[in-house]
Amino acid sequence: MSTKIVLKASRKFGSEVEGQALVSRDPIHFTMDIASKTGIVIGVKHNLCGENITGKILVIPAAKGGVQSAMSIGELLKNGCGPRALLYNKTNPIMVQGAIMTNIPIMDGFDRNLVEVIRSGDWVKVRPAQGIVEVERK
């Protein structure tokens, strides 16, 4: 039996994608916390240390870092190990610019706390045009 949860976002960009969620309790600095050649979280104090973000719908409480962090998203994609989408409780303009420049769907301003609602392993459909994220928990 699966459970479907629908979350509404106030800010969104990108095309529709779906995939497995990887939920972080900590903000992610894409330059300092992620190995750009593998997509593995290398920040030793990060709660996802050792996990791989490649192809995941990345669920993050808040943005961390600036221009270099946003540019690192492009490096991850170039190396074939970027996330499929970025879902934030709250992001910043620089991360939005990085997502737009690399064509990664990004959403924030949700009606509920993503980190409390979505679990790692949930199947997530990101629908920016509709301003919603559908979460299927089995």
N, C-alpha and C. Protein backbone atom coordinates (compact mmCIF):
# COMPACT_ATOMS: atom_id res chain seq x y z
N MET A 1 0.85 -1.18 0.00
CA MET A 1 0.00 0.00 0.00
C MET A 1 0.89 1.24 0.00
N SER A 2 0.63 2.15 -0.91
CA SER A 2 1.44 3.36 -0.97
C SER A 2 0.63 4.56 -0.49
N THR A 3 1.36 5.54 0.01
CA THR A 3 0.76 6.79 0.47
C THR A 3 1.26 7.90 -0.45
N LYS A 4 0.35 8.76 -0.90
CA LYS A 4 0.73 9.88 -1.76
C LYS A 4 0.56 11.18 -0.99
N ILE A 5 1.60 12.01 -1.04
CA ILE A 5 1.61 13.31 -0.37
C ILE A 5 1.85 14.36 -1.45
N VAL A 6 1.10 15.46 -1.42
CA VAL A 6 1.30 16.54 -2.37
C VAL A 6 1.73 17.79 -1.60
N LEU A 7 2.86 18.37 -2.03
CA LEU A 7 3.40 19.59 -1.42
C LEU A 7 3.33 20.72 -2.45
N LYS A 8 2.99 21.91 -1.99
CA LYS A 8 2.89 23.06 -2.88
C LYS A 8 4.04 24.02 -2.63
N ALA A 9 4.62 24.51 -3.74
CA ALA A 9 5.75 25.45 -3.66
C ALA A 9 5.35 26.80 -4.21
N SER A 10 5.93 27.85 -3.65
CA SER A 10 5.63 29.19 -4.15
C SER A 10 6.63 29.64 -5.21
N ARG A 11 7.84 29.06 -5.22
CA ARG A 11 8.85 29.43 -6.20
C ARG A 11 9.36 28.17 -6.89
N LYS A 12 9.45 28.22 -8.22
CA LYS A 12 9.81 27.02 -8.95
C LYS A 12 10.39 27.34 -10.32
N PHE A 13 11.25 26.42 -10.81
CA PHE A 13 11.84 26.54 -12.13
C PHE A 13 12.15 25.14 -12.64
N GLY A 14 12.01 24.94 -13.93
CA GLY A 14 12.51 23.73 -14.56
C GLY A 14 11.43 22.83 -15.12
N SER A 15 11.90 21.74 -15.68
CA SER A 15 11.00 20.77 -16.28
C SER A 15 10.63 19.69 -15.27
N GLU A 16 9.64 18.92 -15.65
CA GLU A 16 9.15 17.85 -14.78
C GLU A 16 10.14 16.69 -14.78
N VAL A 17 10.47 16.23 -13.58
CA VAL A 17 11.34 15.07 -13.41
C VAL A 17 10.81 14.23 -12.25
N GLU A 18 11.28 13.01 -12.17
CA GLU A 18 10.95 12.18 -11.01
C GLU A 18 12.12 11.29 -10.68
N GLY A 19 12.14 10.83 -9.44
CA GLY A 19 13.22 9.97 -9.00
C GLY A 19 13.17 9.75 -7.50
N GLN A 20 14.19 9.08 -7.03
CA GLN A 20 14.29 8.74 -5.61
C GLN A 20 14.82 9.93 -4.82
N ALA A 21 14.21 10.17 -3.67
CA ALA A 21 14.62 11.27 -2.80
C ALA A 21 15.84 10.90 -1.98
N LEU A 22 16.69 11.89 -1.78
CA LEU A 22 17.77 11.82 -0.80
C LEU A 22 17.60 13.05 0.08
N VAL A 23 17.28 12.84 1.34
CA VAL A 23 16.93 13.93 2.25
C VAL A 23 18.09 14.24 3.18
N SER A 24 18.44 15.51 3.22
CA SER A 24 19.51 15.99 4.09
C SER A 24 18.92 16.81 5.23
N ARG A 25 19.38 16.57 6.44
CA ARG A 25 19.00 17.42 7.57
C ARG A 25 19.86 18.68 7.61
N ASP A 26 21.04 18.59 6.96
CA ASP A 26 22.00 19.70 6.95
C ASP A 26 21.97 20.41 5.60
N PRO A 27 22.21 21.72 5.57
CA PRO A 27 22.41 22.39 4.29
C PRO A 27 23.62 21.77 3.58
N ILE A 28 23.64 21.86 2.25
CA ILE A 28 24.74 21.28 1.47
C ILE A 28 25.50 22.40 0.75
N HIS A 29 26.80 22.41 0.95
CA HIS A 29 27.69 23.30 0.21
C HIS A 29 28.27 22.44 -0.92
N PHE A 30 27.86 22.71 -2.15
CA PHE A 30 28.22 21.84 -3.25
C PHE A 30 29.71 21.80 -3.55
N THR A 31 30.46 22.80 -3.11
CA THR A 31 31.91 22.79 -3.31
C THR A 31 32.62 22.03 -2.19
N MET A 32 32.23 22.27 -0.97
CA MET A 32 32.94 21.70 0.18
C MET A 32 32.41 20.32 0.61
N ASP A 33 31.13 20.05 0.38
CA ASP A 33 30.52 18.83 0.90
C ASP A 33 30.39 17.70 -0.12
N ILE A 34 30.55 17.99 -1.43
CA ILE A 34 30.32 16.98 -2.47
C ILE A 34 31.58 16.82 -3.32
N ALA A 35 32.00 15.59 -3.57
CA ALA A 35 33.12 15.32 -4.48
C ALA A 35 32.61 15.47 -5.91
N SER A 36 33.17 16.43 -6.65
CA SER A 36 32.64 16.77 -7.98
C SER A 36 32.84 15.67 -9.02
N LYS A 37 33.74 14.76 -8.80
CA LYS A 37 33.98 13.69 -9.78
C LYS A 37 33.14 12.45 -9.51
N THR A 38 32.55 12.36 -8.30
CA THR A 38 31.79 11.14 -7.95
C THR A 38 30.36 11.41 -7.48
N GLY A 39 30.08 12.62 -6.98
CA GLY A 39 28.76 12.92 -6.43
C GLY A 39 28.59 12.40 -5.00
N ILE A 40 29.66 11.96 -4.40
CA ILE A 40 29.59 11.43 -3.03
C ILE A 40 29.76 12.57 -2.02
N VAL A 41 28.94 12.54 -0.98
CA VAL A 41 29.04 13.54 0.09
C VAL A 41 30.30 13.23 0.89
N ILE A 42 31.22 14.19 0.92
CA ILE A 42 32.51 13.98 1.59
C ILE A 42 32.67 14.83 2.85
N GLY A 43 31.73 15.74 3.11
CA GLY A 43 31.81 16.54 4.33
C GLY A 43 31.72 15.63 5.53
N VAL A 44 32.80 15.50 6.29
CA VAL A 44 32.86 14.50 7.36
C VAL A 44 31.84 14.74 8.47
N LYS A 45 31.41 15.98 8.66
CA LYS A 45 30.41 16.28 9.68
C LYS A 45 29.00 16.35 9.11
N HIS A 46 28.88 16.12 7.80
CA HIS A 46 27.56 16.19 7.16
C HIS A 46 26.78 14.91 7.43
N ASN A 47 25.48 15.05 7.67
CA ASN A 47 24.67 13.86 7.99
C ASN A 47 24.57 12.88 6.82
N LEU A 48 24.87 13.30 5.59
CA LEU A 48 24.82 12.39 4.45
C LEU A 48 26.21 11.89 4.03
N CYS A 49 27.21 12.09 4.86
CA CYS A 49 28.58 11.69 4.52
C CYS A 49 28.58 10.23 4.02
N GLY A 50 29.17 10.03 2.83
CA GLY A 50 29.24 8.70 2.23
C GLY A 50 28.12 8.40 1.25
N GLU A 51 27.05 9.18 1.26
CA GLU A 51 25.92 8.98 0.33
C GLU A 51 26.27 9.59 -1.03
N ASN A 52 25.61 9.09 -2.08
CA ASN A 52 25.82 9.60 -3.43
C ASN A 52 24.59 10.35 -3.90
N ILE A 53 24.76 11.58 -4.40
CA ILE A 53 23.64 12.41 -4.83
C ILE A 53 23.29 12.21 -6.30
N THR A 54 24.07 11.43 -7.03
CA THR A 54 23.89 11.26 -8.46
C THR A 54 22.48 10.80 -8.80
N GLY A 55 21.79 11.59 -9.63
CA GLY A 55 20.46 11.23 -10.10
C GLY A 55 19.36 11.29 -9.07
N LYS A 56 19.63 11.81 -7.90
CA LYS A 56 18.63 11.87 -6.82
C LYS A 56 17.86 13.17 -6.86
N ILE A 57 16.67 13.13 -6.31
CA ILE A 57 15.92 14.35 -6.02
C ILE A 57 16.44 14.78 -4.65
N LEU A 58 17.23 15.83 -4.62
CA LEU A 58 17.90 16.24 -3.40
C LEU A 58 17.01 17.18 -2.60
N VAL A 59 16.71 16.78 -1.37
CA VAL A 59 15.83 17.55 -0.48
C VAL A 59 16.71 18.16 0.61
N ILE A 60 16.70 19.51 0.69
CA ILE A 60 17.66 20.23 1.52
C ILE A 60 16.93 21.30 2.32
N PRO A 61 17.28 21.46 3.61
CA PRO A 61 16.58 22.47 4.39
C PRO A 61 16.87 23.90 3.96
N ALA A 62 18.13 24.20 3.59
CA ALA A 62 18.50 25.58 3.25
C ALA A 62 19.73 25.58 2.36
N ALA A 63 19.89 26.66 1.60
CA ALA A 63 21.07 26.82 0.74
C ALA A 63 22.29 27.14 1.60
N LYS A 64 23.45 26.74 1.10
CA LYS A 64 24.71 27.01 1.79
C LYS A 64 25.75 27.30 0.72
N GLY A 65 26.48 28.37 0.89
CA GLY A 65 27.52 28.71 -0.06
C GLY A 65 27.06 29.79 -1.01
N GLY A 66 27.99 30.19 -1.87
CA GLY A 66 27.71 31.28 -2.80
C GLY A 66 28.00 30.88 -4.22
N VAL A 67 28.65 31.78 -4.95
CA VAL A 67 28.87 31.59 -6.38
C VAL A 67 29.60 30.29 -6.68
N GLN A 68 30.65 29.98 -5.95
CA GLN A 68 31.41 28.76 -6.22
C GLN A 68 30.55 27.51 -6.00
N SER A 69 29.72 27.53 -4.99
CA SER A 69 28.84 26.39 -4.73
C SER A 69 27.87 26.19 -5.89
N ALA A 70 27.32 27.29 -6.40
CA ALA A 70 26.40 27.21 -7.55
C ALA A 70 27.13 26.71 -8.79
N MET A 71 28.38 27.16 -9.00
CA MET A 71 29.16 26.70 -10.14
C MET A 71 29.51 25.22 -10.03
N SER A 72 29.63 24.73 -8.82
CA SER A 72 29.97 23.32 -8.60
C SER A 72 28.85 22.39 -9.07
N ILE A 73 27.62 22.88 -9.11
CA ILE A 73 26.52 22.07 -9.65
C ILE A 73 26.81 21.75 -11.11
N GLY A 74 27.28 22.75 -11.86
CA GLY A 74 27.64 22.53 -13.26
C GLY A 74 28.75 21.51 -13.42
N GLU A 75 29.73 21.57 -12.53
CA GLU A 75 30.83 20.61 -12.56
C GLU A 75 30.33 19.20 -12.29
N LEU A 76 29.43 19.05 -11.33
CA LEU A 76 28.83 17.74 -11.05
C LEU A 76 28.12 17.19 -12.29
N LEU A 77 27.34 18.03 -12.94
CA LEU A 77 26.62 17.59 -14.14
C LEU A 77 27.57 17.22 -15.27
N LYS A 78 28.61 18.03 -15.46
CA LYS A 78 29.61 17.74 -16.49
C LYS A 78 30.24 16.37 -16.28
N ASN A 79 30.40 15.99 -15.01
CA ASN A 79 31.00 14.70 -14.66
C ASN A 79 29.97 13.58 -14.56
N GLY A 80 28.71 13.88 -14.88
CA GLY A 80 27.68 12.85 -14.88
C GLY A 80 27.22 12.42 -13.50
N CYS A 81 27.41 13.28 -12.51
CA CYS A 81 27.03 12.88 -11.15
C CYS A 81 26.25 13.96 -10.41
N GLY A 82 25.47 14.73 -11.14
CA GLY A 82 24.65 15.76 -10.50
C GLY A 82 23.31 15.22 -10.04
N PRO A 83 22.62 16.00 -9.22
CA PRO A 83 21.28 15.61 -8.78
C PRO A 83 20.26 15.81 -9.91
N ARG A 84 19.14 15.14 -9.81
CA ARG A 84 18.08 15.29 -10.81
C ARG A 84 17.27 16.56 -10.57
N ALA A 85 17.09 16.95 -9.30
CA ALA A 85 16.36 18.17 -8.94
C ALA A 85 16.79 18.60 -7.55
N LEU A 86 16.57 19.88 -7.25
CA LEU A 86 16.87 20.45 -5.94
C LEU A 86 15.58 20.97 -5.32
N LEU A 87 15.24 20.47 -4.15
CA LEU A 87 14.08 20.93 -3.41
C LEU A 87 14.56 21.49 -2.08
N TYR A 88 14.28 22.77 -1.86
CA TYR A 88 14.72 23.46 -0.65
C TYR A 88 13.52 23.94 0.16
N ASN A 89 13.68 23.95 1.48
CA ASN A 89 12.75 24.73 2.29
C ASN A 89 12.96 26.20 1.97
N LYS A 90 14.26 26.61 1.93
CA LYS A 90 14.61 27.99 1.60
C LYS A 90 15.96 28.00 0.90
N THR A 91 15.99 28.56 -0.30
CA THR A 91 17.24 28.65 -1.04
C THR A 91 17.68 30.11 -1.12
N ASN A 92 18.67 30.39 -1.93
CA ASN A 92 19.11 31.78 -2.12
C ASN A 92 19.20 32.06 -3.62
N PRO A 93 19.26 33.33 -4.00
CA PRO A 93 19.28 33.67 -5.43
C PRO A 93 20.45 33.06 -6.20
N ILE A 94 21.59 32.90 -5.57
CA ILE A 94 22.75 32.33 -6.26
C ILE A 94 22.53 30.87 -6.62
N MET A 95 21.94 30.10 -5.72
CA MET A 95 21.65 28.69 -6.03
C MET A 95 20.59 28.58 -7.10
N VAL A 96 19.63 29.50 -7.09
CA VAL A 96 18.62 29.52 -8.15
C VAL A 96 19.29 29.79 -9.49
N GLN A 97 20.19 30.77 -9.53
CA GLN A 97 20.92 31.05 -10.78
C GLN A 97 21.71 29.84 -11.25
N GLY A 98 22.36 29.15 -10.32
CA GLY A 98 23.12 27.95 -10.67
C GLY A 98 22.23 26.87 -11.26
N ALA A 99 21.05 26.69 -10.67
CA ALA A 99 20.10 25.69 -11.18
C ALA A 99 19.60 26.08 -12.57
N ILE A 100 19.28 27.35 -12.76
CA ILE A 100 18.79 27.81 -14.06
C ILE A 100 19.88 27.65 -15.12
N MET A 101 21.10 28.03 -14.81
CA MET A 101 22.20 27.93 -15.77
C MET A 101 22.50 26.48 -16.16
N THR A 102 22.25 25.55 -15.26
CA THR A 102 22.52 24.13 -15.53
C THR A 102 21.26 23.35 -15.87
N ASN A 103 20.13 24.05 -15.88
CA ASN A 103 18.83 23.45 -16.24
C ASN A 103 18.41 22.33 -15.28
N ILE A 104 18.70 22.50 -14.00
CA ILE A 104 18.23 21.55 -12.98
C ILE A 104 16.96 22.14 -12.36
N PRO A 105 15.89 21.37 -12.32
CA PRO A 105 14.68 21.88 -11.65
C PRO A 105 14.99 22.23 -10.19
N ILE A 106 14.43 23.35 -9.76
CA ILE A 106 14.62 23.81 -8.38
C ILE A 106 13.31 24.39 -7.89
N MET A 107 12.97 24.08 -6.64
CA MET A 107 11.75 24.61 -6.04
C MET A 107 12.02 24.93 -4.58
N ASP A 108 11.31 25.96 -4.08
CA ASP A 108 11.36 26.26 -2.65
C ASP A 108 10.09 26.99 -2.24
N GLY A 109 10.03 27.35 -0.96
CA GLY A 109 8.84 28.03 -0.45
C GLY A 109 7.65 27.09 -0.33
N PHE A 110 7.87 25.93 0.22
CA PHE A 110 6.82 24.92 0.32
C PHE A 110 5.86 25.19 1.47
N ASP A 111 4.69 24.59 1.38
CA ASP A 111 3.66 24.76 2.41
C ASP A 111 3.94 23.94 3.66
N ARG A 112 4.91 23.03 3.60
CA ARG A 112 5.31 22.25 4.77
C ARG A 112 6.83 22.06 4.75
N ASN A 113 7.39 21.67 5.87
CA ASN A 113 8.83 21.44 5.99
C ASN A 113 9.19 20.15 5.26
N LEU A 114 9.91 20.29 4.14
CA LEU A 114 10.26 19.14 3.31
C LEU A 114 11.02 18.07 4.06
N VAL A 115 11.96 18.49 4.88
CA VAL A 115 12.84 17.56 5.59
C VAL A 115 12.05 16.70 6.58
N GLU A 116 10.93 17.21 7.05
CA GLU A 116 10.09 16.45 7.98
C GLU A 116 9.07 15.57 7.24
N VAL A 117 8.73 15.92 6.01
CA VAL A 117 7.68 15.20 5.28
C VAL A 117 8.26 14.12 4.37
N ILE A 118 9.31 14.45 3.61
CA ILE A 118 9.90 13.52 2.65
C ILE A 118 10.97 12.69 3.35
N ARG A 119 11.04 11.42 2.99
CA ARG A 119 12.06 10.52 3.53
C ARG A 119 12.98 10.06 2.41
N SER A 120 14.23 9.82 2.72
CA SER A 120 15.14 9.24 1.74
C SER A 120 14.54 7.92 1.26
N GLY A 121 14.56 7.72 -0.05
CA GLY A 121 13.99 6.51 -0.64
C GLY A 121 12.59 6.70 -1.18
N ASP A 122 11.87 7.75 -0.74
CA ASP A 122 10.55 8.04 -1.30
C ASP A 122 10.70 8.32 -2.79
N TRP A 123 9.67 7.98 -3.58
CA TRP A 123 9.65 8.33 -5.00
C TRP A 123 9.00 9.69 -5.13
N VAL A 124 9.68 10.63 -5.80
CA VAL A 124 9.23 12.02 -5.85
C VAL A 124 9.05 12.45 -7.30
N LYS A 125 7.90 13.06 -7.58
CA LYS A 125 7.63 13.68 -8.88
C LYS A 125 7.67 15.19 -8.69
N VAL A 126 8.59 15.83 -9.38
CA VAL A 126 8.78 17.28 -9.30
C VAL A 126 8.06 17.90 -10.49
N ARG A 127 7.07 18.75 -10.21
CA ARG A 127 6.25 19.35 -11.27
C ARG A 127 6.25 20.87 -11.13
N PRO A 128 7.35 21.51 -11.54
CA PRO A 128 7.46 22.96 -11.38
C PRO A 128 6.34 23.76 -12.05
N ALA A 129 5.91 23.37 -13.23
CA ALA A 129 4.87 24.13 -13.94
C ALA A 129 3.59 24.22 -13.11
N GLN A 130 3.29 23.15 -12.37
CA GLN A 130 2.10 23.13 -11.52
C GLN A 130 2.38 23.65 -10.11
N GLY A 131 3.66 23.81 -9.79
CA GLY A 131 4.04 24.27 -8.46
C GLY A 131 3.85 23.22 -7.39
N ILE A 132 3.94 21.94 -7.78
CA ILE A 132 3.74 20.88 -6.79
C ILE A 132 4.85 19.81 -6.87
N VAL A 133 4.97 19.11 -5.76
CA VAL A 133 5.81 17.94 -5.67
C VAL A 133 4.92 16.83 -5.13
N GLU A 134 4.93 15.69 -5.82
CA GLU A 134 4.16 14.53 -5.38
C GLU A 134 5.13 13.51 -4.79
N VAL A 135 4.83 13.05 -3.60
CA VAL A 135 5.70 12.10 -2.90
C VAL A 135 4.93 10.80 -2.73
N GLU A 136 5.54 9.72 -3.17
CA GLU A 136 4.92 8.41 -3.00
C GLU A 136 5.77 7.57 -2.05
N ARG A 137 5.15 7.22 -0.96
CA ARG A 137 5.79 6.41 0.06
C ARG A 137 5.14 5.03 0.03
N LYS A 138 5.96 3.98 -0.04
CA LYS A 138 5.40 2.62 -0.10
C LYS A 138 5.57 1.91 1.22
